[in-house]
């Protein structure tokens, strides 16, 4: 969780960077943060853009596997392949 404050900038060369600030409901700029969501029955920490689309996420589908991605479709495909190999 500590890494969440810099993960967006750390992966900027690989994934599209999302601005660190967003306008809150009251119109005041606030720091954009990760939120908890569920993808395919797995807990995921996701960073969303202003439109509410997931642009960066990470999850631990097993104790020994960390998945970092930007498309929810990638997560679905990865889980399908891991389940086919009996790794999940």
N, C-alpha and C. Protein backbone atom coordinates (compact mmCIF):
# COMPACT_ATOMS: atom_id res chain seq x y z
N UNK A 1 0.81 -1.20 0.00
CA UNK A 1 0.00 0.00 0.00
C UNK A 1 0.85 1.26 0.00
N UNK A 2 2.04 1.19 0.57
CA UNK A 2 2.92 2.35 0.59
C UNK A 2 3.36 2.72 -0.83
N UNK A 3 3.52 1.73 -1.67
CA UNK A 3 3.98 1.96 -3.03
C UNK A 3 2.93 2.68 -3.89
N UNK A 4 1.67 2.64 -3.48
CA UNK A 4 0.60 3.24 -4.27
C UNK A 4 0.83 4.72 -4.55
N UNK A 5 1.51 5.41 -3.67
CA UNK A 5 1.71 6.85 -3.87
C UNK A 5 2.64 7.15 -5.05
N UNK A 6 3.47 6.19 -5.46
CA UNK A 6 4.41 6.43 -6.57
C UNK A 6 4.27 5.45 -7.73
N UNK A 7 3.42 4.46 -7.62
CA UNK A 7 3.32 3.43 -8.66
C UNK A 7 2.92 4.02 -10.01
N UNK A 8 2.05 5.01 -10.00
CA UNK A 8 1.61 5.66 -11.24
C UNK A 8 2.81 6.27 -11.97
N UNK A 9 3.66 6.98 -11.26
CA UNK A 9 4.85 7.59 -11.86
C UNK A 9 5.91 6.54 -12.19
N UNK A 10 6.06 5.53 -11.34
CA UNK A 10 7.07 4.49 -11.57
C UNK A 10 6.83 3.72 -12.86
N UNK A 11 5.57 3.50 -13.20
CA UNK A 11 5.25 2.73 -14.40
C UNK A 11 4.92 3.62 -15.60
N UNK A 12 5.15 4.93 -15.49
CA UNK A 12 4.83 5.86 -16.58
C UNK A 12 5.52 5.51 -17.90
N UNK A 13 6.74 5.01 -17.92
CA UNK A 13 7.31 4.64 -19.23
C UNK A 13 6.59 3.46 -19.90
N UNK A 14 5.94 2.62 -19.10
CA UNK A 14 5.29 1.42 -19.63
C UNK A 14 3.79 1.65 -19.86
N UNK A 15 3.13 2.24 -18.87
CA UNK A 15 1.69 2.49 -18.93
C UNK A 15 1.44 4.00 -19.00
N UNK A 16 0.30 4.36 -19.54
CA UNK A 16 -0.07 5.78 -19.62
C UNK A 16 -0.24 6.33 -18.21
N UNK A 17 0.37 7.47 -17.96
CA UNK A 17 0.28 8.08 -16.63
C UNK A 17 -1.00 8.89 -16.51
N UNK A 18 -1.63 8.77 -15.37
CA UNK A 18 -2.84 9.52 -15.05
C UNK A 18 -2.42 10.71 -14.18
N UNK A 19 -2.99 11.89 -14.40
CA UNK A 19 -2.64 13.03 -13.54
C UNK A 19 -2.86 12.71 -12.07
N UNK A 20 -1.95 13.19 -11.23
CA UNK A 20 -2.02 12.90 -9.79
C UNK A 20 -3.20 13.58 -9.10
N UNK A 21 -3.67 14.68 -9.67
CA UNK A 21 -4.78 15.41 -9.06
C UNK A 21 -6.05 15.27 -9.88
N UNK A 22 -7.16 15.30 -9.18
CA UNK A 22 -8.48 15.27 -9.80
C UNK A 22 -9.37 16.25 -9.05
N UNK A 23 -10.41 16.70 -9.68
CA UNK A 23 -11.35 17.59 -9.01
C UNK A 23 -12.33 16.78 -8.18
N UNK A 24 -12.45 17.15 -6.92
CA UNK A 24 -13.40 16.49 -6.04
C UNK A 24 -14.80 16.95 -6.34
N UNK A 25 -15.77 16.39 -5.64
CA UNK A 25 -17.18 16.76 -5.84
C UNK A 25 -17.43 18.23 -5.52
N UNK A 26 -16.60 18.79 -4.65
CA UNK A 26 -16.74 20.19 -4.27
C UNK A 26 -15.94 21.14 -5.15
N UNK A 27 -15.26 20.59 -6.18
CA UNK A 27 -14.49 21.41 -7.11
C UNK A 27 -13.07 21.70 -6.66
N UNK A 28 -12.67 21.15 -5.55
CA UNK A 28 -11.33 21.35 -5.02
C UNK A 28 -10.43 20.21 -5.51
N UNK A 29 -9.24 20.55 -6.03
CA UNK A 29 -8.32 19.48 -6.47
C UNK A 29 -7.93 18.57 -5.30
N UNK A 30 -8.00 17.28 -5.55
CA UNK A 30 -7.61 16.30 -4.54
C UNK A 30 -6.68 15.28 -5.19
N UNK A 31 -5.90 14.62 -4.35
CA UNK A 31 -4.97 13.60 -4.86
C UNK A 31 -5.75 12.36 -5.27
N UNK A 32 -5.46 11.90 -6.47
CA UNK A 32 -6.10 10.68 -7.00
C UNK A 32 -5.51 9.48 -6.26
N UNK A 33 -6.34 8.54 -5.91
CA UNK A 33 -5.85 7.38 -5.19
C UNK A 33 -6.45 6.08 -5.70
N UNK A 34 -5.89 5.00 -5.25
CA UNK A 34 -6.38 3.67 -5.60
C UNK A 34 -7.62 3.36 -4.77
N UNK A 35 -8.48 2.53 -5.32
CA UNK A 35 -9.67 2.08 -4.61
C UNK A 35 -9.80 0.57 -4.76
N UNK A 36 -10.56 -0.02 -3.87
CA UNK A 36 -10.79 -1.46 -3.92
C UNK A 36 -11.93 -1.77 -4.89
N UNK A 37 -11.69 -2.71 -5.78
CA UNK A 37 -12.73 -3.21 -6.66
C UNK A 37 -12.59 -4.73 -6.74
N UNK A 38 -13.55 -5.37 -7.36
CA UNK A 38 -13.51 -6.82 -7.55
C UNK A 38 -13.55 -7.10 -9.05
N UNK A 39 -12.58 -7.90 -9.51
CA UNK A 39 -12.55 -8.35 -10.91
C UNK A 39 -12.52 -9.87 -10.88
N UNK A 40 -13.50 -10.48 -11.52
CA UNK A 40 -13.55 -11.95 -11.60
C UNK A 40 -13.39 -12.61 -10.24
N UNK A 41 -14.01 -12.05 -9.23
CA UNK A 41 -14.00 -12.55 -7.86
C UNK A 41 -12.64 -12.45 -7.17
N UNK A 42 -11.78 -11.57 -7.65
CA UNK A 42 -10.49 -11.30 -7.01
C UNK A 42 -10.46 -9.84 -6.55
N UNK A 43 -9.89 -9.62 -5.38
CA UNK A 43 -9.72 -8.26 -4.88
C UNK A 43 -8.63 -7.56 -5.67
N UNK A 44 -8.92 -6.36 -6.12
CA UNK A 44 -8.00 -5.59 -6.95
C UNK A 44 -7.95 -4.16 -6.42
N UNK A 45 -6.76 -3.59 -6.44
CA UNK A 45 -6.59 -2.16 -6.13
C UNK A 45 -6.46 -1.46 -7.47
N UNK A 46 -7.35 -0.48 -7.73
CA UNK A 46 -7.42 0.14 -9.06
C UNK A 46 -7.30 1.65 -8.98
N UNK A 47 -6.65 2.21 -9.98
CA UNK A 47 -6.54 3.65 -10.16
C UNK A 47 -7.41 3.99 -11.36
N UNK A 48 -8.32 4.94 -11.19
CA UNK A 48 -9.26 5.28 -12.26
C UNK A 48 -9.01 6.68 -12.77
N UNK A 49 -9.35 6.90 -14.04
CA UNK A 49 -9.25 8.23 -14.63
C UNK A 49 -10.49 9.04 -14.27
N UNK A 50 -10.60 10.25 -14.80
CA UNK A 50 -11.72 11.13 -14.47
C UNK A 50 -13.06 10.57 -14.93
N UNK A 51 -13.06 9.73 -15.96
CA UNK A 51 -14.29 9.13 -16.45
C UNK A 51 -14.70 7.89 -15.67
N UNK A 52 -13.86 7.45 -14.73
CA UNK A 52 -14.16 6.27 -13.93
C UNK A 52 -13.65 4.97 -14.52
N UNK A 53 -12.86 5.06 -15.58
CA UNK A 53 -12.28 3.85 -16.20
C UNK A 53 -11.01 3.44 -15.47
N UNK A 54 -10.84 2.15 -15.28
CA UNK A 54 -9.63 1.63 -14.66
C UNK A 54 -8.47 1.82 -15.63
N UNK A 55 -7.40 2.49 -15.17
CA UNK A 55 -6.25 2.73 -16.03
C UNK A 55 -4.99 2.04 -15.51
N UNK A 56 -4.99 1.63 -14.25
CA UNK A 56 -3.87 0.90 -13.67
C UNK A 56 -4.41 0.13 -12.47
N UNK A 57 -3.99 -1.11 -12.35
CA UNK A 57 -4.45 -1.92 -11.23
C UNK A 57 -3.38 -2.92 -10.84
N UNK A 58 -3.54 -3.43 -9.64
CA UNK A 58 -2.69 -4.55 -9.23
C UNK A 58 -3.50 -5.47 -8.33
N UNK A 59 -3.08 -6.74 -8.32
CA UNK A 59 -3.77 -7.74 -7.53
C UNK A 59 -2.83 -8.89 -7.23
N UNK A 60 -3.13 -9.59 -6.17
CA UNK A 60 -2.41 -10.82 -5.81
C UNK A 60 -3.39 -11.98 -5.94
N UNK A 61 -3.50 -12.59 -7.13
CA UNK A 61 -4.42 -13.72 -7.27
C UNK A 61 -3.98 -14.94 -6.47
N UNK A 62 -2.69 -15.06 -6.20
CA UNK A 62 -2.16 -16.08 -5.29
C UNK A 62 -1.15 -15.39 -4.38
N UNK A 63 -0.68 -16.09 -3.39
CA UNK A 63 0.30 -15.51 -2.47
C UNK A 63 1.63 -15.18 -3.15
N UNK A 64 1.95 -15.91 -4.19
CA UNK A 64 3.25 -15.76 -4.85
C UNK A 64 3.19 -15.02 -6.18
N UNK A 65 2.06 -14.46 -6.55
CA UNK A 65 1.90 -13.85 -7.86
C UNK A 65 1.29 -12.46 -7.74
N UNK A 66 2.00 -11.47 -8.27
CA UNK A 66 1.51 -10.10 -8.34
C UNK A 66 1.22 -9.78 -9.79
N UNK A 67 0.04 -9.28 -10.06
CA UNK A 67 -0.36 -8.88 -11.41
C UNK A 67 -0.54 -7.37 -11.42
N UNK A 68 0.14 -6.70 -12.36
CA UNK A 68 0.00 -5.26 -12.55
C UNK A 68 -0.40 -5.06 -14.00
N UNK A 69 -1.44 -4.29 -14.24
CA UNK A 69 -1.90 -4.07 -15.60
C UNK A 69 -2.70 -2.81 -15.74
N UNK A 70 -3.10 -2.53 -16.97
CA UNK A 70 -3.91 -1.33 -17.20
C UNK A 70 -5.26 -1.64 -17.82
N UNK A 71 -5.45 -2.83 -18.33
CA UNK A 71 -6.72 -3.19 -18.94
C UNK A 71 -7.37 -4.34 -18.16
N UNK A 72 -8.62 -4.16 -17.75
CA UNK A 72 -9.31 -5.26 -17.07
C UNK A 72 -9.38 -6.53 -17.93
N UNK A 73 -9.36 -6.38 -19.24
CA UNK A 73 -9.38 -7.54 -20.14
C UNK A 73 -8.10 -8.37 -20.00
N UNK A 74 -6.99 -7.70 -19.73
CA UNK A 74 -5.73 -8.40 -19.53
C UNK A 74 -5.81 -9.29 -18.30
N UNK A 75 -6.41 -8.79 -17.25
CA UNK A 75 -6.56 -9.54 -16.01
C UNK A 75 -7.41 -10.79 -16.25
N UNK A 76 -8.49 -10.63 -16.97
CA UNK A 76 -9.37 -11.75 -17.28
C UNK A 76 -8.63 -12.82 -18.09
N UNK A 77 -7.88 -12.38 -19.09
CA UNK A 77 -7.13 -13.32 -19.93
C UNK A 77 -6.05 -14.03 -19.12
N UNK A 78 -5.34 -13.29 -18.30
CA UNK A 78 -4.29 -13.88 -17.48
C UNK A 78 -4.85 -14.92 -16.52
N UNK A 79 -5.96 -14.61 -15.87
CA UNK A 79 -6.58 -15.56 -14.96
C UNK A 79 -7.03 -16.82 -15.69
N UNK A 80 -7.57 -16.65 -16.87
CA UNK A 80 -8.01 -17.82 -17.66
C UNK A 80 -6.83 -18.73 -17.99
N UNK A 81 -5.72 -18.12 -18.37
CA UNK A 81 -4.54 -18.92 -18.71
C UNK A 81 -3.94 -19.61 -17.48
N UNK A 82 -3.92 -18.91 -16.36
CA UNK A 82 -3.39 -19.51 -15.14
C UNK A 82 -4.29 -20.66 -14.67
N UNK A 83 -5.59 -20.50 -14.80
CA UNK A 83 -6.50 -21.57 -14.41
C UNK A 83 -6.37 -22.77 -15.34
N UNK A 84 -6.10 -22.51 -16.61
CA UNK A 84 -5.91 -23.61 -17.57
C UNK A 84 -4.64 -24.40 -17.25
N UNK A 85 -3.63 -23.72 -16.69
CA UNK A 85 -2.38 -24.38 -16.32
C UNK A 85 -2.43 -24.91 -14.89
N UNK A 86 -3.57 -24.77 -14.24
CA UNK A 86 -3.75 -25.23 -12.86
C UNK A 86 -2.82 -24.51 -11.88
N UNK A 87 -2.53 -23.23 -12.14
CA UNK A 87 -1.68 -22.46 -11.23
C UNK A 87 -2.50 -21.63 -10.26
N UNK A 88 -3.82 -21.58 -10.46
CA UNK A 88 -4.70 -20.87 -9.53
C UNK A 88 -5.59 -21.84 -8.83
